[in-house]
Protein backbone atom coordinates (compact mmCIF):
# COMPACT_ATOMS: atom_id res chain seq x y z
CA MET A 1 0.22 -0.03 -0.17
CA THR A 2 2.82 2.34 0.90
CA GLU A 3 4.53 1.77 -2.47
CA GLU A 4 1.69 2.07 -4.33
CA ARG A 5 0.78 5.60 -2.73
CA GLY A 6 4.55 6.64 -3.36
CA GLY A 7 3.67 5.58 -7.03
CA HIS A 8 0.49 7.57 -7.02
CA GLU A 9 2.10 10.73 -5.60
CA ALA A 10 5.20 10.69 -7.87
CA GLY A 11 2.83 10.36 -11.20
CA ALA A 12 0.36 12.99 -9.58
CA LEU A 13 3.06 15.06 -9.53
CA ALA A 14 4.73 14.82 -12.88
CA ARG A 15 1.16 14.98 -14.25
CA LEU A 16 0.48 18.40 -12.12
CA THR A 17 4.07 19.68 -13.30
CA LEU A 18 3.16 19.01 -17.06
CA GLU A 19 -0.23 20.09 -17.26
CA GLU A 20 0.61 23.20 -15.44
CA LEU A 21 3.63 23.85 -17.93
CA GLY A 22 0.79 23.25 -20.90
CA LEU A 23 -1.55 25.88 -18.77
CA ALA A 24 1.53 28.57 -19.04
CA THR A 25 1.94 27.73 -22.71
CA GLY A 26 -1.79 29.00 -23.04
CA GLY A 27 -1.31 31.93 -20.78
CA ILE A 28 1.81 32.74 -22.98
CA GLY A 29 -0.41 32.21 -26.28
CA GLY A 30 -3.40 34.42 -24.46
CA VAL A 31 -0.67 37.43 -24.30
CA HIS A 32 0.16 37.04 -28.11
CA ARG A 33 -3.38 36.72 -29.56
CA ALA A 34 -4.42 40.05 -27.08
CA ILE A 35 -1.33 41.93 -28.74
CA ALA A 36 -2.02 40.32 -31.97
CA SER A 37 -5.64 41.25 -32.17
CA ARG A 38 -4.66 45.03 -30.96
CA VAL A 39 -2.43 45.46 -33.96
CA PHE A 40 -4.78 44.01 -36.21
CA ARG A 41 -7.48 46.54 -35.39
CA TYR A 42 -5.02 49.18 -35.72
CA VAL A 43 -4.00 48.33 -39.17
CA GLY A 44 -7.74 47.90 -40.52
CA PRO A 45 -9.71 45.74 -42.73
CA GLN A 46 -6.91 44.81 -45.00
CA SER A 47 -5.04 43.10 -42.25
CA THR A 48 -7.89 40.33 -42.33
CA PRO A 49 -6.08 37.78 -44.44
CA ALA A 50 -2.82 37.84 -42.49
CA ARG A 51 -4.58 38.05 -39.33
CA MET A 52 -7.00 34.77 -40.69
CA VAL A 53 -2.99 32.93 -41.15
CA HIS A 54 -2.31 33.97 -37.90
CA ASP A 55 -4.94 33.09 -35.82
CA ALA A 56 -4.74 29.54 -37.55
CA VAL A 57 -1.16 29.20 -37.18
CA SER A 58 -0.74 30.33 -33.52
CA GLY A 59 -3.77 28.52 -32.65
CA ALA A 60 -2.62 25.68 -34.03
CA VAL A 61 0.93 25.69 -32.13
CA TYR A 62 -0.06 26.65 -28.62
CA GLY A 63 -2.77 24.22 -28.87
CA GLY A 64 -0.48 21.62 -29.82
CA LEU A 65 2.14 22.28 -26.99
CA HIS A 66 -0.93 22.72 -24.54
CA GLY A 67 -2.19 19.32 -25.67
CA GLY A 68 1.19 17.69 -25.69
CA ALA A 69 2.10 18.62 -22.26
CA ARG A 70 -1.12 17.28 -20.79
CA ALA A 71 -0.68 14.03 -22.99
CA ALA A 72 3.09 13.86 -21.82
CA GLY A 73 1.45 14.07 -17.95
CA ALA A 74 -1.12 11.31 -18.32
CA ALA A 75 1.65 9.21 -19.66
CA ALA A 76 4.06 9.85 -16.93
CA ASP A 77 1.16 9.70 -14.07
CA LEU A 78 0.66 6.29 -15.83
CA ALA A 79 3.89 4.79 -15.70
CA LEU A 80 4.78 6.19 -12.25
CA ARG A 81 1.77 4.60 -10.64
CA HIS A 82 3.40 1.32 -11.19
CA ARG A 83 6.68 1.56 -9.78
CA GLU A 84 7.44 0.70 -6.08
CA LEU A 85 8.79 3.97 -5.01
CA VAL A 86 9.20 5.94 -1.56
CA PRO A 87 5.98 8.18 -1.10
CA LEU A 88 7.18 11.57 -1.27
CA SER A 89 4.91 12.79 1.56
CA THR A 90 7.15 10.86 3.99
CA THR A 91 10.34 12.42 3.00
CA ARG A 92 11.49 15.89 4.18
CA ARG A 93 12.34 17.04 0.51
CA GLY A 94 9.41 15.83 -0.70
CA ALA A 95 6.85 16.89 2.05
CA ALA A 96 8.56 20.44 1.56
CA VAL A 97 7.46 20.28 -2.46
CA LEU A 98 3.78 19.01 -1.48
CA ALA A 99 3.41 21.33 0.93
CA ALA A 100 4.55 24.44 -1.72
CA LEU A 101 2.03 22.77 -4.04
CA GLN A 102 -0.92 22.26 -1.51
CA GLY A 103 -0.02 25.99 -0.44
CA LEU A 104 -0.78 27.05 -3.74
CA ARG A 105 -3.53 24.78 -5.21
CA GLY A 106 -4.51 22.37 -2.58
CA ASP A 107 -8.61 23.03 -2.74
CA ALA A 108 -8.25 22.43 -6.15
CA LEU A 109 -6.41 19.32 -5.59
CA GLU A 110 -8.61 18.10 -2.81
CA ALA A 111 -11.89 18.36 -5.30
CA GLN A 112 -10.05 16.42 -7.98
CA GLY A 113 -8.92 13.75 -5.26
CA SER A 114 -5.64 14.25 -6.19
CA PRO A 115 -3.01 12.27 -4.04
CA LEU A 116 -0.85 15.51 -3.74
CA ALA A 117 -4.12 16.63 -1.75
CA GLN A 118 -3.15 14.88 1.80
CA PRO A 119 -5.81 15.14 4.63
CA MET A 120 -4.72 16.33 8.00
CA ALA A 121 -3.29 13.72 10.10
CA VAL A 122 -0.70 13.66 13.02
CA ARG A 123 2.54 12.76 11.70
CA VAL A 124 5.98 11.17 13.53
CA ASP A 125 9.01 10.83 11.21
CA GLY A 126 6.81 11.98 8.36
CA ALA A 127 4.82 9.13 8.29
CA VAL A 128 0.76 9.37 9.34
CA VAL A 129 -0.06 8.24 12.71
CA GLU A 130 -3.95 6.90 12.66
CA PRO A 131 -5.88 8.00 15.93
CA THR A 132 -6.38 4.51 17.16
CA PRO A 133 -5.22 3.35 20.48
CA ASP A 134 -2.69 0.83 18.99
CA ALA A 135 -1.25 3.23 16.49
CA LEU A 136 -0.82 6.04 19.13
CA ALA A 137 0.63 3.88 22.06
CA ALA A 138 3.46 2.59 19.19
CA ALA A 139 3.96 6.03 17.94
CA PHE A 140 3.99 7.52 21.70
CA PRO A 141 5.59 4.97 23.89
CA ASP A 142 6.23 7.62 26.80
CA ALA A 143 2.84 9.87 26.33
CA SER A 144 1.85 12.11 28.79
CA GLY A 145 -1.33 13.48 29.69
CA ARG A 146 -0.15 16.66 28.64
CA LEU A 147 -0.51 17.82 24.79
CA VAL A 148 1.11 20.22 22.73
CA VAL A 149 -0.13 20.25 19.42
CA PHE A 150 2.03 22.13 16.85
CA LEU A 151 0.31 23.54 13.37
CA HIS A 152 2.46 24.76 10.80
CA GLY A 153 1.91 27.89 8.50
CA LEU A 154 1.12 27.88 4.68
CA MET A 155 3.17 25.93 2.64
CA GLU A 156 4.90 24.10 5.70
CA THR A 157 5.01 20.96 7.15
CA GLU A 158 5.72 19.58 10.59
CA HIS A 159 9.76 19.96 9.52
CA SER A 160 9.40 23.54 9.55
CA TRP A 161 9.84 23.57 13.21
CA GLY A 162 13.37 22.32 12.92
CA LEU A 163 14.67 25.53 11.25
CA GLY A 164 18.10 25.67 11.09
CA SER A 165 18.66 21.93 12.01
CA ARG A 166 18.00 23.14 15.73
CA GLU A 167 16.16 21.04 18.33
CA PRO A 168 12.18 21.80 17.78
CA TYR A 169 10.33 23.49 20.38
CA GLY A 170 8.32 20.18 21.33
CA ALA A 171 11.53 17.67 22.12
CA ARG A 172 12.31 20.79 24.15
CA LEU A 173 9.43 21.47 25.80
CA ALA A 174 9.18 17.36 26.59
CA ARG A 175 12.64 17.44 28.26
CA ASP A 176 11.84 20.43 30.48
CA LEU A 177 8.06 20.09 31.08
CA GLY A 178 7.24 16.38 30.56
CA CYS A 179 4.70 17.36 27.73
CA THR A 180 4.12 15.14 24.83
CA PRO A 181 4.76 17.11 21.33
CA VAL A 182 2.00 16.26 18.62
CA TYR A 183 3.03 17.50 15.33
CA VAL A 184 0.05 18.25 12.67
CA ARG A 185 0.41 18.23 9.06
CA PHE A 186 -2.39 19.61 6.80
CA ASN A 187 -3.22 20.83 3.43
CA SER A 188 -2.80 24.62 3.76
CA GLY A 189 -4.73 25.24 0.42
CA ARG A 190 -7.60 24.54 2.15
CA HIS A 191 -9.97 27.28 3.68
CA ILE A 192 -8.68 27.65 7.21
CA SER A 193 -12.31 27.17 8.42
CA GLU A 194 -12.48 23.81 6.50
CA ASN A 195 -8.76 23.23 8.09
CA GLY A 196 -10.19 24.16 11.58
CA ARG A 197 -13.09 21.73 11.33
CA SER A 198 -10.69 18.49 10.40
CA LEU A 199 -8.76 19.46 13.34
CA ALA A 200 -11.55 19.60 15.70
CA GLU A 201 -12.41 16.14 14.66
CA LEU A 202 -8.65 14.79 14.64
CA LEU A 203 -8.00 15.79 18.45
CA ASP A 204 -11.39 14.66 19.38
CA ALA A 205 -10.12 11.15 18.27
CA LEU A 206 -6.50 11.66 19.35
CA VAL A 207 -7.69 12.50 22.71
CA ALA A 208 -10.49 9.56 23.05
CA ALA A 209 -7.59 7.14 21.84
CA TRP A 210 -4.92 8.52 23.61
CA PRO A 211 -2.66 6.33 25.91
CA VAL A 212 -3.00 7.77 28.98
CA GLU A 213 -5.72 10.21 29.98
CA VAL A 214 -5.19 13.84 28.66
CA GLY A 215 -5.57 16.59 31.47
CA GLU A 216 -4.02 19.82 29.35
CA ILE A 217 -3.67 20.73 25.64
CA ALA A 218 -1.93 23.43 24.43
CA LEU A 219 -2.40 24.71 20.93
CA VAL A 220 0.70 26.53 19.21
CA GLY A 221 0.65 27.96 15.45
CA HIS A 222 2.86 28.97 13.32
CA SER A 223 1.31 31.97 10.89
CA MET A 224 -1.48 30.62 9.51
CA GLY A 225 -1.47 27.30 12.00
CA GLY A 226 -2.30 29.98 14.65
CA LEU A 227 -5.77 31.05 12.81
CA VAL A 228 -6.36 27.25 12.21
CA ALA A 229 -6.19 26.43 16.19
CA ARG A 230 -8.43 29.53 17.02
CA SER A 231 -11.03 28.38 14.29
CA ALA A 232 -11.04 24.43 15.62
CA ALA A 233 -11.56 25.46 19.29
CA HIS A 234 -14.19 28.06 17.86
CA GLN A 235 -16.22 25.19 16.32
CA ALA A 236 -15.12 22.10 18.89
CA GLN A 237 -16.74 24.64 21.63
CA ALA A 238 -20.01 25.30 19.36
CA GLU A 239 -20.02 21.55 18.63
CA GLY A 240 -19.56 20.48 22.36
CA LEU A 241 -16.50 18.37 21.44
CA ALA A 242 -15.10 17.28 25.11
CA TRP A 243 -11.48 17.76 23.92
CA VAL A 244 -11.62 21.70 23.79
CA GLU A 245 -12.45 21.79 27.59
CA ASN A 246 -8.78 20.86 28.46
CA VAL A 247 -7.02 23.51 26.17
CA ARG A 248 -5.25 25.68 28.53
CA HIS A 249 -2.78 27.56 26.02
CA VAL A 250 -3.75 28.73 22.58
CA VAL A 251 -0.11 30.14 21.09
CA SER A 252 0.08 32.05 17.95
CA LEU A 253 3.62 33.08 16.32
CA GLY A 254 3.26 35.45 13.84
CA SER A 255 -0.17 34.57 13.00
CA PRO A 256 -1.97 37.13 10.88
CA HIS A 257 -4.73 37.89 12.83
CA LEU A 258 -6.12 40.60 10.76
CA GLY A 259 -4.92 39.92 7.63
CA ALA A 260 -1.51 39.80 5.55
CA PRO A 261 -0.67 42.41 3.31
CA LEU A 262 1.01 40.55 0.55
CA GLU A 263 -2.51 38.27 0.13
CA GLN A 264 -4.31 42.00 0.06
CA ALA A 265 -1.75 43.26 -2.60
CA VAL A 266 -2.29 40.46 -4.76
CA HIS A 267 -6.13 40.81 -4.52
CA TYR A 268 -6.33 44.06 -5.97
CA ALA A 269 -3.23 43.53 -8.28
CA SER A 270 -5.27 40.39 -9.77
CA ALA A 271 -8.14 42.33 -10.27
CA ALA A 272 -6.38 45.25 -12.01
CA LEU A 273 -4.46 42.94 -14.36
CA HIS A 274 -7.57 40.99 -15.56
CA LYS A 275 -9.06 44.43 -16.99
CA LEU A 276 -6.91 44.39 -20.02
CA PRO A 277 -6.68 41.49 -22.38
CA GLU A 278 -3.16 41.37 -23.02
CA THR A 279 -2.46 41.36 -19.09
CA ARG A 280 -5.73 39.38 -18.51
CA PRO A 281 -3.75 35.70 -18.36
CA PHE A 282 -1.84 37.29 -15.65
CA GLY A 283 -4.44 38.22 -13.79
CA GLY A 284 -6.20 34.70 -14.03
CA PHE A 285 -3.26 32.90 -12.76
CA LEU A 286 -3.28 35.17 -9.85
CA ARG A 287 -6.80 34.35 -9.58
CA ARG A 288 -5.79 30.58 -9.41
CA ARG A 289 -4.47 30.87 -5.93
CA SER A 290 -5.81 28.81 -2.93
CA SER A 291 -8.74 29.34 -1.01
CA GLY A 292 -6.28 29.11 1.95
CA ILE A 293 -4.20 32.09 0.51
CA ARG A 294 -7.49 33.88 0.15
CA ASP A 295 -8.52 33.33 3.99
CA LEU A 296 -5.35 35.61 4.99
CA ARG A 297 -6.49 38.55 3.57
CA GLN A 298 -8.67 39.14 6.46
CA GLY A 299 -7.63 36.32 8.85
CA SER A 300 -10.77 34.57 8.56
CA LEU A 301 -11.94 31.69 10.68
CA VAL A 302 -15.12 30.56 9.71
CA ASP A 303 -17.03 29.45 6.77
CA ASP A 304 -19.51 32.46 6.34
CA ASP A 305 -16.50 34.48 5.41
CA TRP A 306 -15.99 32.87 2.01
CA ARG A 307 -19.52 30.87 1.62
CA ASP A 308 -21.80 32.27 -1.07
CA ARG A 309 -19.43 35.02 -1.59
CA ASP A 310 -17.52 36.23 -4.52
CA PRO A 311 -13.99 35.60 -3.63
CA ASP A 312 -12.32 38.24 -6.15
CA ALA A 313 -15.05 41.44 -5.19
CA LEU A 314 -13.21 43.91 -4.61
CA ARG A 315 -14.99 45.35 -1.48
CA ALA A 316 -14.96 42.30 0.23
CA GLU A 317 -17.58 41.78 3.19
CA ALA A 318 -16.08 42.07 6.52
CA CYS A 319 -15.26 38.80 7.98
CA GLN A 320 -16.93 37.43 11.44
CA GLU A 321 -14.92 38.33 14.78
CA VAL A 322 -14.47 34.99 16.53
CA PRO A 323 -14.20 35.10 20.12
CA LEU A 324 -11.48 34.20 21.96
CA LEU A 325 -11.96 30.63 23.77
CA GLU A 326 -12.68 30.84 27.49
CA GLY A 327 -10.76 29.11 30.18
CA ALA A 328 -7.73 29.41 27.96
CA THR A 329 -4.79 32.00 27.92
CA HIS A 330 -4.09 33.29 24.80
CA CYS A 331 -0.29 34.27 23.94
CA PHE A 332 1.29 35.74 20.96
CA VAL A 333 4.66 36.42 19.38
CA SER A 334 4.67 39.33 16.59
CA ALA A 335 8.37 40.20 14.98
CA THR A 336 9.74 42.85 12.77
CA VAL A 337 12.70 42.92 10.71
CA THR A 338 13.94 45.80 12.47
CA ARG A 339 14.74 46.04 16.38
CA SER A 340 11.46 48.12 17.06
CA PRO A 341 8.17 47.62 16.22
CA ARG A 342 8.15 51.23 15.69
CA HIS A 343 10.64 51.76 13.20
CA PRO A 344 9.45 53.09 9.78
CA VAL A 345 10.56 50.30 7.91
CA GLY A 346 9.11 47.75 10.71
CA ARG A 347 5.81 49.20 10.51
CA VAL A 348 5.85 48.99 6.78
CA VAL A 349 6.90 45.37 6.34
CA GLY A 350 6.69 44.01 9.90
CA ASP A 351 8.19 40.64 9.72
CA LEU A 352 8.18 40.40 5.71
CA LEU A 353 4.95 38.81 5.31
CA VAL A 354 2.52 39.69 8.57
CA LEU A 355 2.29 43.05 9.97
CA GLU A 356 3.13 43.63 14.07
CA GLY A 357 -0.73 45.06 14.66
CA SER A 358 -2.15 42.12 13.00
CA ALA A 359 0.12 39.48 14.86
CA THR A 360 -0.89 41.29 18.08
CA GLY A 361 -4.62 41.81 17.12
CA ARG A 362 -4.76 46.08 17.09
CA SER A 363 -5.36 47.82 14.39
CA ARG A 364 -7.43 50.88 13.78
CA ARG A 365 -10.72 49.16 12.44
CA ARG A 366 -10.42 45.82 14.50
CA THR A 367 -9.00 44.46 17.48
CA ILE A 368 -8.75 40.90 18.78
CA PRO A 369 -9.05 41.20 22.59
CA PHE A 370 -5.88 39.53 23.44
CA GLU A 371 -3.92 40.57 26.67
CA ALA A 372 -0.80 42.59 26.29
CA GLU A 373 0.92 40.96 29.27
CA HIS A 374 0.93 37.55 27.34
CA GLY A 375 2.62 38.98 24.10
CA HIS A 376 6.17 39.10 22.95
CA HIS A 377 7.58 41.04 20.27
CA LEU A 378 10.91 39.88 18.57
CA GLY A 379 12.74 42.75 16.76
CA GLY A 380 15.54 42.00 13.80
CA VAL A 381 13.88 38.94 12.79
CA ASN A 382 11.52 38.05 10.11
CA HIS A 383 8.81 35.59 9.74
CA PHE A 384 10.10 32.21 9.71
CA THR A 385 12.59 32.93 12.40
CA LEU A 386 9.50 32.02 14.70
CA LEU A 387 9.58 28.54 14.02
CA ASN A 388 12.57 27.75 16.15
CA HIS A 389 14.49 31.07 18.23
CA PRO A 390 15.67 30.59 21.49
CA GLU A 391 14.05 33.53 22.84
CA VAL A 392 10.80 32.36 21.44
CA TYR A 393 11.07 29.51 23.38
CA ASP A 394 12.01 30.77 26.71
CA LYS A 395 8.26 32.46 26.04
CA LEU A 396 6.65 29.21 25.12
CA ARG A 397 8.07 27.21 27.97
CA GLY A 398 7.34 30.31 30.45
CA TRP A 399 3.85 30.39 29.39
CA LEU A 400 3.22 26.41 29.33
CA ALA A 401 4.60 26.30 32.79
CA THR A 402 2.37 28.87 34.29
CA PRO A 403 -1.30 27.84 35.12
CA PRO A 404 -4.20 29.98 33.05
CA ARG A 405 -5.27 31.24 36.09
CA ALA A 406 -1.81 32.33 37.28
CA LEU A 407 -1.52 34.31 34.00
CA THR A 408 -4.67 35.88 33.93
CA HIS A 409 -4.79 37.23 37.55
């Protein structure tokens, strides 16, 4: 079964690569046709014979390249499916490639039933651990009743927590506090609310089958992972799932609670590029970005933020404000590339992907009711540094070592 899935993943990747190449060729053809059409209109009726020949030849060339790429992709997929291959998803490099693809197009891959769209799962050494008593007991022989669930960000995997080949936060917390780290991998191209629902269901099954009774749970998310954690807690509470009653800490590291400026810029750029025939293929390419990326525009956590709404509407409706989970302490870390968050450059670019105000939940128009004393700012670093940094670990250890009541009083 593992070898078969390995072939399926490799074949699907080859097919997707060649199909995307074909689509890129079609996009180039669209730009070519738009420019040629403008030129022929400028020349006038006398250009009609030349235009007919041009359109026929260019259509055949671009159509042939597109069709050839699709056919080659299908052939490669068929050939690789029957090969005995190590699954890409179980290797560090292969998982990184799949994570990038899922971040960009994960929702579409899931809709197509592609093997490249992997369901949310607990992972140990790259392999899926099913939430059953036997599987969990084998994967976590030293399981404790204090769980720390780690959630990666967009286009990341559980391996991302080992940035710089340093010991991950989870291993240090296990040694220092006796916690059991649980690393979750998910398809970051899905809607955040969909991943939140999947996480709520996964943790419900995990806690029920855990080798020992679970007394405390901490959710730690980097970037998008922090939003998925908040969405999961909100939905679990609404559904009355028991595990959420054990959540004592929710920690977000560089999470865009109020949205990410890069996605906001891409949203408007795609609309502008879509207006002219010559640039429409580029606008169309940007509009193919995943639902997960689109949700980062405002930090959307629930289905109502996207259901029955036009994702390309310029004047988007405000997203629903989701309350923080009662009974848990919500901690956060923000970062800027400058030492001080008040530096003009730091105020404009933040940590290169998330602004300090979004990570702390404070802006002129929106406020997430985090308590300032439960936050920390890290200066002179970028967004990904938060995945593994000594100063962040010191704060994380301190937060998780302190009972919620002590933190809030």
